[in-house]
Amino acid sequence: DTGEVILIDTGPDLRLQALREGFTRVDAVLYTHTHADHLHGIDDLRGFCQINRQQIPLYTYKEAVSHIESKFGYTLRPPGQFWGFPVLSITEVDAPFELFGTKITPIPVMHGNIQIFAYRIGNIAYMTDVSAIPESSFELLEDLDLLLIDCLRTEKHPTHINIEQSIDYVGQIKAKQSVLIHMTHELEYETLSQQLPEKVEVGYDGMKFQIK
């Protein structure tokens, strides 16, 4: 552990989340996809650039790179004397790569009719906004210590998996520990917790894990 902070996505409330959790640096961002609720806090990265006087690298798939370059091109700039804008770089990835000494594996998953990325970071996988996991992606999810997986609501949804589908995928992936994330207000923490199988729990804002 060398202390680097890897952020996954920049939601519109990024600033409030950072204040709540008390983190003051971001060393890299992995983007799962470019929907507004996962991207449109990108401008708030400027604060981290200013505080730490460093450019922040972004990593994502080809179509997402094009989208960010088109819509948020002003953020993509080399370090200089002026830090009033986000100072970011962007890299297209489609295969495993190393970041701060840790292997990062992009995992293709479906979000409705578009293919996006989940990520495996070491032996942890983060999988949000998923409607289906392609068969070819399961081999990238073997031998996980921790799986964080989408679980929108009870009823089925066209672009997200529901509780039943989440639990089914948890059973197929067989991580040592699984956490359900990205839930709507329709799901109540205590009630859902009582319904889950062993080694599966409900995620919540500010949840932390000690990773060895």
N, C-alpha and C. Protein backbone atom coordinates (compact mmCIF):
# COMPACT_ATOMS: atom_id res chain seq x y z
N ASP A 1 0.85 -1.18 0.00
CA ASP A 1 0.00 0.00 0.00
C ASP A 1 0.89 1.24 0.00
N THR A 2 0.85 2.01 -1.09
CA THR A 2 1.64 3.24 -1.17
C THR A 2 0.76 4.47 -1.04
N GLY A 3 -0.52 4.28 -0.72
CA GLY A 3 -1.38 5.40 -0.38
C GLY A 3 -2.14 6.04 -1.51
N GLU A 4 -1.97 5.55 -2.74
CA GLU A 4 -2.70 6.16 -3.86
C GLU A 4 -4.20 5.89 -3.76
N VAL A 5 -4.98 6.83 -4.27
CA VAL A 5 -6.44 6.73 -4.25
C VAL A 5 -6.95 6.53 -5.68
N ILE A 6 -7.60 5.39 -5.91
CA ILE A 6 -8.22 5.11 -7.21
C ILE A 6 -9.73 5.29 -7.05
N LEU A 7 -10.29 6.20 -7.82
CA LEU A 7 -11.72 6.49 -7.77
C LEU A 7 -12.41 5.80 -8.94
N ILE A 8 -13.58 5.23 -8.70
CA ILE A 8 -14.38 4.66 -9.79
C ILE A 8 -15.57 5.58 -10.02
N ASP A 9 -15.58 6.23 -11.18
CA ASP A 9 -16.64 7.15 -11.61
C ASP A 9 -16.64 8.46 -10.80
N THR A 10 -17.23 9.48 -11.40
CA THR A 10 -17.35 10.79 -10.76
C THR A 10 -18.81 11.23 -10.84
N GLY A 11 -19.60 10.81 -9.89
CA GLY A 11 -21.01 11.18 -9.87
C GLY A 11 -21.20 12.66 -9.58
N PRO A 12 -22.40 13.21 -9.84
CA PRO A 12 -22.66 14.63 -9.65
C PRO A 12 -22.45 15.12 -8.22
N ASP A 13 -22.52 14.20 -7.24
CA ASP A 13 -22.33 14.58 -5.85
C ASP A 13 -20.93 14.23 -5.34
N LEU A 14 -19.95 14.18 -6.25
CA LEU A 14 -18.59 13.83 -5.87
C LEU A 14 -18.05 14.73 -4.76
N ARG A 15 -18.26 16.03 -4.89
CA ARG A 15 -17.74 16.96 -3.88
C ARG A 15 -18.31 16.64 -2.50
N LEU A 16 -19.61 16.38 -2.42
CA LEU A 16 -20.24 16.08 -1.14
C LEU A 16 -19.74 14.76 -0.58
N GLN A 17 -19.51 13.79 -1.45
CA GLN A 17 -18.97 12.51 -0.99
C GLN A 17 -17.55 12.68 -0.43
N ALA A 18 -16.75 13.48 -1.13
CA ALA A 18 -15.38 13.71 -0.68
C ALA A 18 -15.36 14.41 0.68
N LEU A 19 -16.24 15.39 0.86
CA LEU A 19 -16.31 16.08 2.14
C LEU A 19 -16.77 15.13 3.24
N ARG A 20 -17.75 14.30 2.91
CA ARG A 20 -18.26 13.35 3.90
C ARG A 20 -17.20 12.35 4.34
N GLU A 21 -16.42 11.85 3.38
CA GLU A 21 -15.43 10.82 3.67
C GLU A 21 -14.07 11.38 4.05
N GLY A 22 -13.87 12.68 3.79
CA GLY A 22 -12.65 13.33 4.21
C GLY A 22 -11.42 13.01 3.39
N PHE A 23 -11.61 12.66 2.10
CA PHE A 23 -10.41 12.40 1.29
C PHE A 23 -10.08 13.64 0.45
N THR A 24 -8.80 13.91 0.34
CA THR A 24 -8.33 15.13 -0.31
C THR A 24 -7.42 14.87 -1.50
N ARG A 25 -7.33 13.62 -1.93
CA ARG A 25 -6.53 13.32 -3.11
C ARG A 25 -7.21 12.23 -3.92
N VAL A 26 -7.05 12.34 -5.24
CA VAL A 26 -7.46 11.30 -6.18
C VAL A 26 -6.30 11.14 -7.14
N ASP A 27 -5.79 9.93 -7.27
CA ASP A 27 -4.62 9.70 -8.11
C ASP A 27 -4.96 9.11 -9.46
N ALA A 28 -6.16 8.56 -9.62
CA ALA A 28 -6.60 8.02 -10.91
C ALA A 28 -8.10 7.76 -10.84
N VAL A 29 -8.75 7.79 -12.01
CA VAL A 29 -10.18 7.50 -12.08
C VAL A 29 -10.43 6.42 -13.13
N LEU A 30 -11.20 5.41 -12.75
CA LEU A 30 -11.66 4.39 -13.68
C LEU A 30 -13.13 4.67 -13.97
N TYR A 31 -13.47 4.82 -15.25
CA TYR A 31 -14.88 5.07 -15.60
C TYR A 31 -15.55 3.80 -16.09
N THR A 32 -16.72 3.51 -15.49
CA THR A 32 -17.51 2.36 -15.94
C THR A 32 -18.29 2.68 -17.21
N HIS A 33 -18.82 3.92 -17.30
CA HIS A 33 -19.57 4.37 -18.47
C HIS A 33 -19.84 5.85 -18.33
N THR A 34 -20.52 6.43 -19.31
CA THR A 34 -20.61 7.90 -19.37
C THR A 34 -22.00 8.44 -19.09
N HIS A 35 -22.88 7.68 -18.48
CA HIS A 35 -24.17 8.24 -18.08
C HIS A 35 -23.94 9.31 -17.02
N ALA A 36 -24.82 10.30 -16.98
CA ALA A 36 -24.61 11.48 -16.16
C ALA A 36 -24.36 11.16 -14.69
N ASP A 37 -25.07 10.17 -14.16
CA ASP A 37 -24.92 9.87 -12.73
C ASP A 37 -23.59 9.22 -12.39
N HIS A 38 -22.78 8.92 -13.41
CA HIS A 38 -21.46 8.33 -13.17
C HIS A 38 -20.31 9.21 -13.69
N LEU A 39 -20.65 10.29 -14.39
CA LEU A 39 -19.61 11.11 -15.04
C LEU A 39 -19.67 12.58 -14.68
N HIS A 40 -20.84 13.13 -14.45
CA HIS A 40 -20.98 14.57 -14.45
C HIS A 40 -20.46 15.30 -13.21
N GLY A 41 -19.74 14.59 -12.36
CA GLY A 41 -18.99 15.25 -11.30
C GLY A 41 -17.54 15.45 -11.69
N ILE A 42 -17.22 15.24 -12.96
CA ILE A 42 -15.83 15.31 -13.42
C ILE A 42 -15.18 16.66 -13.12
N ASP A 43 -15.97 17.73 -13.17
CA ASP A 43 -15.38 19.05 -12.91
C ASP A 43 -14.88 19.19 -11.48
N ASP A 44 -15.47 18.43 -10.56
CA ASP A 44 -15.02 18.51 -9.18
C ASP A 44 -13.64 17.90 -8.96
N LEU A 45 -13.09 17.25 -9.97
CA LEU A 45 -11.71 16.77 -9.86
C LEU A 45 -10.73 17.93 -9.81
N ARG A 46 -11.18 19.13 -10.22
CA ARG A 46 -10.26 20.28 -10.21
C ARG A 46 -9.71 20.54 -8.81
N GLY A 47 -10.54 20.32 -7.78
CA GLY A 47 -10.07 20.56 -6.42
C GLY A 47 -8.90 19.68 -6.04
N PHE A 48 -8.96 18.42 -6.46
CA PHE A 48 -7.86 17.50 -6.16
C PHE A 48 -6.60 17.86 -6.95
N CYS A 49 -6.81 18.31 -8.19
CA CYS A 49 -5.66 18.78 -8.99
C CYS A 49 -5.00 19.99 -8.32
N GLN A 50 -5.82 20.93 -7.84
CA GLN A 50 -5.29 22.14 -7.21
C GLN A 50 -4.53 21.82 -5.93
N ILE A 51 -5.14 21.01 -5.08
CA ILE A 51 -4.54 20.71 -3.78
C ILE A 51 -3.20 19.99 -3.93
N ASN A 52 -3.17 19.03 -4.84
CA ASN A 52 -2.00 18.17 -4.97
C ASN A 52 -1.07 18.55 -6.11
N ARG A 53 -1.48 19.56 -6.90
CA ARG A 53 -0.66 20.03 -8.03
C ARG A 53 -0.23 18.86 -8.92
N GLN A 54 -1.22 18.05 -9.30
CA GLN A 54 -0.92 16.92 -10.16
C GLN A 54 -2.05 16.67 -11.15
N GLN A 55 -1.66 16.17 -12.32
CA GLN A 55 -2.61 15.75 -13.33
C GLN A 55 -3.19 14.40 -12.93
N ILE A 56 -4.49 14.22 -13.14
CA ILE A 56 -5.14 12.97 -12.78
C ILE A 56 -5.44 12.17 -14.05
N PRO A 57 -4.95 10.93 -14.15
CA PRO A 57 -5.24 10.11 -15.33
C PRO A 57 -6.60 9.42 -15.22
N LEU A 58 -7.30 9.36 -16.35
CA LEU A 58 -8.58 8.67 -16.46
C LEU A 58 -8.40 7.44 -17.35
N TYR A 59 -9.13 6.38 -17.05
CA TYR A 59 -9.06 5.15 -17.84
C TYR A 59 -10.46 4.65 -18.14
N THR A 60 -10.71 4.27 -19.41
CA THR A 60 -12.03 3.77 -19.77
C THR A 60 -11.98 3.18 -21.18
N TYR A 61 -13.12 2.78 -21.70
CA TYR A 61 -13.17 2.13 -23.02
C TYR A 61 -13.29 3.18 -24.14
N LYS A 62 -13.13 2.73 -25.37
CA LYS A 62 -12.99 3.61 -26.53
C LYS A 62 -14.12 4.62 -26.66
N GLU A 63 -15.37 4.15 -26.62
CA GLU A 63 -16.51 5.05 -26.83
C GLU A 63 -16.61 6.08 -25.71
N ALA A 64 -16.25 5.67 -24.50
CA ALA A 64 -16.28 6.60 -23.38
C ALA A 64 -15.20 7.66 -23.51
N VAL A 65 -14.03 7.26 -24.00
CA VAL A 65 -12.96 8.23 -24.26
C VAL A 65 -13.47 9.30 -25.23
N SER A 66 -14.09 8.88 -26.32
CA SER A 66 -14.60 9.82 -27.32
C SER A 66 -15.64 10.75 -26.72
N HIS A 67 -16.51 10.22 -25.88
CA HIS A 67 -17.55 11.03 -25.25
C HIS A 67 -16.94 12.10 -24.34
N ILE A 68 -15.99 11.70 -23.51
CA ILE A 68 -15.36 12.64 -22.59
C ILE A 68 -14.58 13.70 -23.36
N GLU A 69 -13.87 13.28 -24.40
CA GLU A 69 -13.13 14.25 -25.22
C GLU A 69 -14.08 15.25 -25.86
N SER A 70 -15.27 14.80 -26.26
CA SER A 70 -16.23 15.67 -26.93
C SER A 70 -16.93 16.61 -25.95
N LYS A 71 -17.38 16.08 -24.83
CA LYS A 71 -18.21 16.86 -23.89
C LYS A 71 -17.39 17.58 -22.81
N PHE A 72 -16.25 17.04 -22.45
CA PHE A 72 -15.46 17.61 -21.36
C PHE A 72 -14.02 17.81 -21.79
N GLY A 73 -13.84 18.20 -23.04
CA GLY A 73 -12.50 18.40 -23.57
C GLY A 73 -11.68 19.42 -22.81
N TYR A 74 -12.35 20.40 -22.20
CA TYR A 74 -11.62 21.45 -21.48
C TYR A 74 -10.86 20.90 -20.28
N THR A 75 -11.24 19.69 -19.82
CA THR A 75 -10.56 19.12 -18.65
C THR A 75 -9.25 18.43 -19.02
N LEU A 76 -9.09 18.14 -20.30
CA LEU A 76 -7.92 17.36 -20.75
C LEU A 76 -6.81 18.31 -21.15
N ARG A 77 -5.91 18.54 -20.23
CA ARG A 77 -4.85 19.54 -20.44
C ARG A 77 -3.61 19.12 -19.67
N PRO A 78 -2.45 19.50 -20.14
CA PRO A 78 -1.22 19.18 -19.42
C PRO A 78 -1.07 20.06 -18.18
N PRO A 79 -0.29 19.62 -17.22
CA PRO A 79 -0.03 20.45 -16.04
C PRO A 79 0.64 21.75 -16.45
N GLY A 80 0.30 22.82 -15.76
CA GLY A 80 0.90 24.12 -16.05
C GLY A 80 0.89 24.99 -14.81
N GLN A 81 0.89 26.29 -15.01
CA GLN A 81 0.90 27.22 -13.88
C GLN A 81 -0.49 27.49 -13.34
N PHE A 82 -1.52 27.20 -14.15
CA PHE A 82 -2.89 27.53 -13.75
C PHE A 82 -3.66 26.25 -13.44
N TRP A 83 -4.23 26.19 -12.23
CA TRP A 83 -4.93 24.98 -11.78
C TRP A 83 -6.41 25.27 -11.54
N GLY A 84 -6.95 26.27 -12.20
CA GLY A 84 -8.36 26.62 -12.03
C GLY A 84 -9.31 25.72 -12.79
N PHE A 85 -8.77 24.85 -13.62
CA PHE A 85 -9.56 23.85 -14.33
C PHE A 85 -9.11 22.47 -13.87
N PRO A 86 -9.93 21.44 -14.09
CA PRO A 86 -9.41 20.08 -13.91
C PRO A 86 -8.25 19.86 -14.88
N VAL A 87 -7.21 19.20 -14.43
CA VAL A 87 -6.04 18.91 -15.26
C VAL A 87 -5.96 17.39 -15.38
N LEU A 88 -6.53 16.87 -16.47
CA LEU A 88 -6.72 15.43 -16.61
C LEU A 88 -6.08 14.92 -17.89
N SER A 89 -5.78 13.62 -17.91
CA SER A 89 -5.39 12.91 -19.13
C SER A 89 -6.32 11.72 -19.25
N ILE A 90 -6.42 11.15 -20.44
CA ILE A 90 -7.33 10.02 -20.61
C ILE A 90 -6.68 8.94 -21.47
N THR A 91 -6.90 7.70 -21.07
CA THR A 91 -6.30 6.55 -21.75
C THR A 91 -7.38 5.51 -22.03
N GLU A 92 -7.40 5.04 -23.27
CA GLU A 92 -8.30 3.94 -23.64
C GLU A 92 -7.71 2.63 -23.17
N VAL A 93 -8.52 1.80 -22.53
CA VAL A 93 -8.06 0.48 -22.10
C VAL A 93 -9.06 -0.58 -22.56
N ASP A 94 -8.53 -1.74 -22.91
CA ASP A 94 -9.39 -2.86 -23.28
C ASP A 94 -8.78 -4.19 -22.85
N ALA A 95 -7.77 -4.12 -22.00
CA ALA A 95 -7.07 -5.30 -21.51
C ALA A 95 -6.49 -4.97 -20.13
N PRO A 96 -6.08 -5.97 -19.37
CA PRO A 96 -5.49 -5.70 -18.05
C PRO A 96 -4.29 -4.75 -18.14
N PHE A 97 -4.14 -3.90 -17.14
CA PHE A 97 -3.01 -2.98 -17.07
C PHE A 97 -2.64 -2.80 -15.60
N GLU A 98 -1.48 -2.23 -15.37
CA GLU A 98 -1.01 -2.03 -14.00
C GLU A 98 -1.14 -0.57 -13.61
N LEU A 99 -1.62 -0.35 -12.39
CA LEU A 99 -1.78 1.00 -11.88
C LEU A 99 -1.30 1.02 -10.43
N PHE A 100 -0.25 1.78 -10.16
CA PHE A 100 0.33 1.88 -8.81
C PHE A 100 0.67 0.50 -8.25
N GLY A 101 1.18 -0.37 -9.12
CA GLY A 101 1.61 -1.68 -8.68
C GLY A 101 0.50 -2.71 -8.52
N THR A 102 -0.72 -2.35 -8.93
CA THR A 102 -1.86 -3.25 -8.80
C THR A 102 -2.43 -3.56 -10.19
N LYS A 103 -2.76 -4.80 -10.44
CA LYS A 103 -3.34 -5.20 -11.72
C LYS A 103 -4.81 -4.78 -11.78
N ILE A 104 -5.16 -4.04 -12.83
CA ILE A 104 -6.53 -3.60 -13.07
C ILE A 104 -7.04 -4.34 -14.32
N THR A 105 -8.16 -5.01 -14.18
CA THR A 105 -8.73 -5.75 -15.31
C THR A 105 -10.10 -5.19 -15.66
N PRO A 106 -10.26 -4.58 -16.84
CA PRO A 106 -11.59 -4.16 -17.29
C PRO A 106 -12.42 -5.41 -17.63
N ILE A 107 -13.67 -5.41 -17.21
CA ILE A 107 -14.55 -6.55 -17.44
C ILE A 107 -15.78 -6.09 -18.22
N PRO A 108 -15.94 -6.52 -19.46
CA PRO A 108 -17.12 -6.11 -20.24
C PRO A 108 -18.41 -6.68 -19.63
N VAL A 109 -19.38 -5.80 -19.44
CA VAL A 109 -20.72 -6.20 -18.98
C VAL A 109 -21.74 -5.38 -19.77
N MET A 110 -22.98 -5.81 -19.74
CA MET A 110 -24.04 -5.10 -20.45
C MET A 110 -24.82 -4.20 -19.50
N HIS A 111 -25.17 -3.03 -20.01
CA HIS A 111 -26.03 -2.07 -19.29
C HIS A 111 -27.16 -1.73 -20.25
N GLY A 112 -28.21 -2.54 -20.25
CA GLY A 112 -29.23 -2.42 -21.28
C GLY A 112 -28.64 -2.87 -22.61
N ASN A 113 -28.68 -1.99 -23.58
CA ASN A 113 -28.17 -2.37 -24.92
C ASN A 113 -26.76 -1.84 -25.18
N ILE A 114 -26.07 -1.35 -24.16
CA ILE A 114 -24.70 -0.89 -24.36
C ILE A 114 -23.74 -1.72 -23.51
N GLN A 115 -22.54 -1.89 -24.03
CA GLN A 115 -21.50 -2.58 -23.28
C GLN A 115 -20.67 -1.57 -22.51
N ILE A 116 -20.49 -1.80 -21.23
CA ILE A 116 -19.72 -0.91 -20.38
C ILE A 116 -18.65 -1.74 -19.67
N PHE A 117 -17.97 -1.13 -18.69
CA PHE A 117 -16.94 -1.85 -17.95
C PHE A 117 -17.31 -2.02 -16.48
N ALA A 118 -17.09 -3.22 -15.96
CA ALA A 118 -16.86 -3.43 -14.54
C ALA A 118 -15.34 -3.48 -14.40
N TYR A 119 -14.84 -3.48 -13.17
CA TYR A 119 -13.39 -3.52 -12.97
C TYR A 119 -13.03 -4.53 -11.89
N ARG A 120 -11.95 -5.25 -12.16
CA ARG A 120 -11.32 -6.07 -11.14
C ARG A 120 -10.02 -5.38 -10.73
N ILE A 121 -9.89 -5.11 -9.45
CA ILE A 121 -8.70 -4.46 -8.90
C ILE A 121 -8.08 -5.45 -7.93
N GLY A 122 -7.01 -6.11 -8.36
CA GLY A 122 -6.49 -7.20 -7.56
C GLY A 122 -7.53 -8.30 -7.47
N ASN A 123 -7.96 -8.64 -6.26
CA ASN A 123 -8.97 -9.68 -6.06
C ASN A 123 -10.32 -9.10 -5.63
N ILE A 124 -10.55 -7.82 -6.00
CA ILE A 124 -11.83 -7.17 -5.75
C ILE A 124 -12.46 -6.82 -7.08
N ALA A 125 -13.77 -7.04 -7.23
CA ALA A 125 -14.46 -6.64 -8.45
C ALA A 125 -15.59 -5.68 -8.11
N TYR A 126 -15.69 -4.63 -8.92
CA TYR A 126 -16.72 -3.60 -8.76
C TYR A 126 -17.58 -3.62 -10.01
N MET A 127 -18.87 -3.88 -9.83
CA MET A 127 -19.74 -4.13 -10.97
C MET A 127 -21.06 -3.39 -10.77
N THR A 128 -21.17 -2.19 -11.33
CA THR A 128 -22.38 -1.40 -11.18
C THR A 128 -23.08 -1.26 -12.53
N ASP A 129 -24.37 -0.92 -12.49
CA ASP A 129 -25.17 -0.68 -13.70
C ASP A 129 -25.10 -1.86 -14.67
N VAL A 130 -25.38 -3.03 -14.17
CA VAL A 130 -25.28 -4.25 -14.96
C VAL A 130 -26.67 -4.81 -15.24
N SER A 131 -26.92 -5.16 -16.49
CA SER A 131 -28.15 -5.89 -16.82
C SER A 131 -27.86 -7.34 -17.19
N ALA A 132 -26.62 -7.62 -17.60
CA ALA A 132 -26.21 -8.99 -17.91
C ALA A 132 -24.69 -9.07 -17.93
N ILE A 133 -24.18 -10.23 -17.56
CA ILE A 133 -22.74 -10.50 -17.61
C ILE A 133 -22.49 -11.49 -18.75
N PRO A 134 -21.75 -11.09 -19.78
CA PRO A 134 -21.45 -12.03 -20.87
C PRO A 134 -20.70 -13.25 -20.35
N GLU A 135 -20.93 -14.38 -20.98
CA GLU A 135 -20.30 -15.63 -20.57
C GLU A 135 -18.77 -15.50 -20.55
N SER A 136 -18.23 -14.78 -21.51
CA SER A 136 -16.77 -14.64 -21.61
C SER A 136 -16.16 -13.84 -20.46
N SER A 137 -16.99 -13.11 -19.72
CA SER A 137 -16.47 -12.29 -18.61
C SER A 137 -16.33 -13.06 -17.31
N PHE A 138 -16.99 -14.22 -17.21
CA PHE A 138 -16.95 -14.94 -15.94
C PHE A 138 -15.54 -15.41 -15.57
N GLU A 139 -14.74 -15.75 -16.57
CA GLU A 139 -13.38 -16.21 -16.25
C GLU A 139 -12.54 -15.09 -15.64
N LEU A 140 -12.93 -13.84 -15.86
CA LEU A 140 -12.22 -12.71 -15.27
C LEU A 140 -12.65 -12.46 -13.83
N LEU A 141 -13.65 -13.20 -13.38
CA LEU A 141 -14.22 -13.00 -12.04
C LEU A 141 -13.96 -14.19 -11.12
N GLU A 142 -13.00 -15.01 -11.47
CA GLU A 142 -12.68 -16.18 -10.66
C GLU A 142 -11.81 -15.81 -9.47
N ASP A 143 -12.00 -16.52 -8.37
CA ASP A 143 -11.15 -16.41 -7.17
C ASP A 143 -11.14 -15.01 -6.58
N LEU A 144 -12.30 -14.40 -6.47
CA LEU A 144 -12.41 -13.07 -5.88
C LEU A 144 -12.50 -13.15 -4.36
N ASP A 145 -11.86 -12.19 -3.70
CA ASP A 145 -12.05 -12.03 -2.26
C ASP A 145 -13.32 -11.22 -1.97
N LEU A 146 -13.60 -10.25 -2.85
CA LEU A 146 -14.74 -9.36 -2.62
C LEU A 146 -15.38 -8.98 -3.94
N LEU A 147 -16.71 -9.10 -4.01
CA LEU A 147 -17.49 -8.69 -5.17
C LEU A 147 -18.50 -7.64 -4.74
N LEU A 148 -18.46 -6.48 -5.40
CA LEU A 148 -19.49 -5.46 -5.20
C LEU A 148 -20.33 -5.45 -6.47
N ILE A 149 -21.64 -5.75 -6.35
CA ILE A 149 -22.46 -5.99 -7.52
C ILE A 149 -23.79 -5.23 -7.47
N ASP A 150 -24.19 -4.74 -8.62
CA ASP A 150 -25.43 -4.02 -8.83
C ASP A 150 -26.63 -4.79 -8.28
N CYS A 151 -27.58 -4.06 -7.69
CA CYS A 151 -28.81 -4.68 -7.18
C CYS A 151 -29.85 -3.57 -7.04
N LEU A 152 -30.52 -3.24 -8.13
CA LEU A 152 -31.32 -2.02 -8.16
C LEU A 152 -32.57 -2.07 -7.28
N ARG A 153 -33.36 -3.12 -7.46
CA ARG A 153 -34.66 -3.16 -6.78
C ARG A 153 -35.20 -4.59 -6.80
N THR A 154 -36.43 -4.77 -6.35
CA THR A 154 -37.05 -6.10 -6.35
C THR A 154 -37.53 -6.47 -7.75
N GLU A 155 -38.24 -5.55 -8.41
CA GLU A 155 -38.77 -5.81 -9.74
C GLU A 155 -37.66 -5.80 -10.78
N LYS A 156 -37.90 -6.47 -11.90
CA LYS A 156 -36.93 -6.47 -12.98
C LYS A 156 -36.85 -5.09 -13.62
N HIS A 157 -35.70 -4.79 -14.23
CA HIS A 157 -35.45 -3.48 -14.84
C HIS A 157 -34.70 -3.72 -16.14
N PRO A 158 -34.93 -2.90 -17.16
CA PRO A 158 -34.27 -3.16 -18.46
C PRO A 158 -32.77 -2.94 -18.48
N THR A 159 -32.23 -2.15 -17.55
CA THR A 159 -30.80 -1.83 -17.61
C THR A 159 -30.02 -2.18 -16.35
N HIS A 160 -30.68 -2.74 -15.35
CA HIS A 160 -30.03 -3.14 -14.10
C HIS A 160 -30.56 -4.50 -13.67
N ILE A 161 -29.73 -5.26 -12.97
CA ILE A 161 -30.21 -6.50 -12.39
C ILE A 161 -30.95 -6.21 -11.07
N ASN A 162 -31.92 -7.07 -10.76
CA ASN A 162 -32.68 -6.93 -9.52
C ASN A 162 -32.11 -7.86 -8.45
N ILE A 163 -32.78 -7.96 -7.31
CA ILE A 163 -32.27 -8.77 -6.20
C ILE A 163 -32.07 -10.22 -6.63
N GLU A 164 -33.09 -10.79 -7.24
CA GLU A 164 -33.01 -12.20 -7.64
C GLU A 164 -31.84 -12.45 -8.60
N GLN A 165 -31.67 -11.57 -9.57
CA GLN A 165 -30.57 -11.74 -10.53
C GLN A 165 -29.22 -11.52 -9.87
N SER A 166 -29.14 -10.55 -8.96
CA SER A 166 -27.89 -10.30 -8.24
C SER A 166 -27.45 -11.53 -7.45
N ILE A 167 -28.39 -12.10 -6.72
CA ILE A 167 -28.08 -13.28 -5.90
C ILE A 167 -27.68 -14.45 -6.80
N ASP A 168 -28.32 -14.57 -7.95
CA ASP A 168 -27.96 -15.63 -8.89
C ASP A 168 -26.52 -15.46 -9.37
N TYR A 169 -26.15 -14.23 -9.73
CA TYR A 169 -24.77 -13.98 -10.18
C TYR A 169 -23.78 -14.19 -9.03
N VAL A 170 -24.15 -13.78 -7.83
CA VAL A 170 -23.28 -14.01 -6.66
C VAL A 170 -22.99 -15.49 -6.52
N GLY A 171 -24.02 -16.32 -6.71
CA GLY A 171 -23.84 -17.76 -6.62
C GLY A 171 -22.94 -18.32 -7.71
N GLN A 172 -23.02 -17.74 -8.90
CA GLN A 172 -22.17 -18.20 -9.99
C GLN A 172 -20.71 -17.77 -9.82
N ILE A 173 -20.51 -16.55 -9.34
CA ILE A 173 -19.15 -16.00 -9.23
C ILE A 173 -18.41 -16.57 -8.02
N LYS A 174 -19.14 -16.79 -6.92
CA LYS A 174 -18.57 -17.46 -5.74
C LYS A 174 -17.40 -16.69 -5.12
N ALA A 175 -17.55 -15.40 -4.98
CA ALA A 175 -16.54 -14.62 -4.25
C ALA A 175 -16.60 -14.98 -2.76
N LYS A 176 -15.51 -14.74 -2.05
CA LYS A 176 -15.50 -15.03 -0.62
C LYS A 176 -16.49 -14.15 0.13
N GLN A 177 -16.67 -12.91 -0.33
CA GLN A 177 -17.64 -11.99 0.27
C GLN A 177 -18.27 -11.17 -0.84
N SER A 178 -19.57 -10.93 -0.77
CA SER A 178 -20.27 -10.15 -1.79
C SER A 178 -21.09 -9.05 -1.13
N VAL A 179 -21.15 -7.90 -1.80
CA VAL A 179 -21.89 -6.75 -1.29
C VAL A 179 -22.80 -6.23 -2.40
N LEU A 180 -24.06 -6.02 -2.09
CA LEU A 180 -25.03 -5.49 -3.05
C LEU A 180 -24.98 -3.97 -3.02
N ILE A 181 -24.89 -3.35 -4.20
CA ILE A 181 -24.74 -1.89 -4.30
C ILE A 181 -25.73 -1.32 -5.31
N HIS A 182 -25.74 0.02 -5.40
CA HIS A 182 -26.53 0.75 -6.41
C HIS A 182 -28.03 0.45 -6.28
N MET A 183 -28.53 0.54 -5.05
CA MET A 183 -29.92 0.22 -4.77
C MET A 183 -30.79 1.47 -4.73
N THR A 184 -32.05 1.31 -5.08
CA THR A 184 -32.99 2.42 -5.00
C THR A 184 -33.51 2.55 -3.56
N HIS A 185 -34.25 3.63 -3.34
CA HIS A 185 -34.87 3.86 -2.03
C HIS A 185 -35.96 2.83 -1.72
N GLU A 186 -36.35 2.04 -2.72
CA GLU A 186 -37.40 1.05 -2.51
C GLU A 186 -36.92 -0.11 -1.63
N LEU A 187 -35.62 -0.32 -1.54
CA LEU A 187 -35.07 -1.40 -0.75
C LEU A 187 -34.69 -0.89 0.64
N GLU A 188 -35.13 -1.58 1.67
CA GLU A 188 -34.87 -1.18 3.04
C GLU A 188 -33.75 -2.05 3.62
N TYR A 189 -32.77 -1.42 4.24
CA TYR A 189 -31.53 -2.09 4.65
C TYR A 189 -31.78 -3.31 5.54
N GLU A 190 -32.47 -3.13 6.64
CA GLU A 190 -32.65 -4.23 7.60
C GLU A 190 -33.45 -5.37 6.98
N THR A 191 -34.52 -5.03 6.27
CA THR A 191 -35.36 -6.06 5.67
C THR A 191 -34.59 -6.88 4.64
N LEU A 192 -33.85 -6.19 3.77
CA LEU A 192 -33.09 -6.90 2.74
C LEU A 192 -31.98 -7.73 3.37
N SER A 193 -31.32 -7.20 4.38
CA SER A 193 -30.22 -7.92 5.03
C SER A 193 -30.68 -9.28 5.56
N GLN A 194 -31.89 -9.34 6.05
CA GLN A 194 -32.41 -10.59 6.61
C GLN A 194 -32.74 -11.62 5.54
N GLN A 195 -32.84 -11.18 4.28
CA GLN A 195 -33.21 -12.09 3.20
C GLN A 195 -32.01 -12.70 2.49
N LEU A 196 -30.82 -12.23 2.81
CA LEU A 196 -29.65 -12.60 2.02
C LEU A 196 -28.97 -13.86 2.52
N PRO A 197 -28.36 -14.60 1.62
CA PRO A 197 -27.61 -15.79 2.03
C PRO A 197 -26.32 -15.41 2.76
N GLU A 198 -25.67 -16.42 3.30
CA GLU A 198 -24.42 -16.21 4.03
C GLU A 198 -23.36 -15.59 3.13
N LYS A 199 -22.57 -14.71 3.71
CA LYS A 199 -21.46 -14.03 3.03
C LYS A 199 -21.92 -13.06 1.93
N VAL A 200 -23.17 -12.62 2.05
CA VAL A 200 -23.69 -11.57 1.17
C VAL A 200 -24.29 -10.50 2.08
N GLU A 201 -23.92 -9.24 1.85
CA GLU A 201 -24.46 -8.17 2.68
C GLU A 201 -24.86 -6.97 1.84
N VAL A 202 -25.59 -6.07 2.47
CA VAL A 202 -26.10 -4.88 1.81
C VAL A 202 -25.10 -3.74 1.97
N GLY A 203 -24.75 -3.10 0.87
CA GLY A 203 -23.84 -1.96 0.93
C GLY A 203 -24.56 -0.71 1.43
N TYR A 204 -23.78 0.28 1.85
CA TYR A 204 -24.34 1.55 2.30
C TYR A 204 -23.29 2.64 2.08
N ASP A 205 -23.75 3.89 2.07
CA ASP A 205 -22.85 5.01 1.85
C ASP A 205 -21.78 5.05 2.94
N GLY A 206 -20.53 5.19 2.51
CA GLY A 206 -19.43 5.27 3.46
C GLY A 206 -18.90 3.92 3.93
N MET A 207 -19.37 2.83 3.33
CA MET A 207 -18.92 1.50 3.72
C MET A 207 -17.42 1.36 3.43
N LYS A 208 -16.70 0.74 4.34
CA LYS A 208 -15.25 0.59 4.19
C LYS A 208 -14.85 -0.87 4.39
N PHE A 209 -13.76 -1.24 3.73
CA PHE A 209 -13.23 -2.60 3.83
C PHE A 209 -11.74 -2.54 4.12
N GLN A 210 -11.27 -3.45 4.95
CA GLN A 210 -9.85 -3.59 5.20
C GLN A 210 -9.33 -4.67 4.26
N ILE A 211 -8.50 -4.28 3.30
CA ILE A 211 -8.01 -5.21 2.29
C ILE A 211 -6.57 -5.58 2.61
N LYS A 212 -6.28 -6.88 2.67
CA LYS A 212 -4.92 -7.33 2.95
C LYS A 212 -4.21 -7.69 1.66
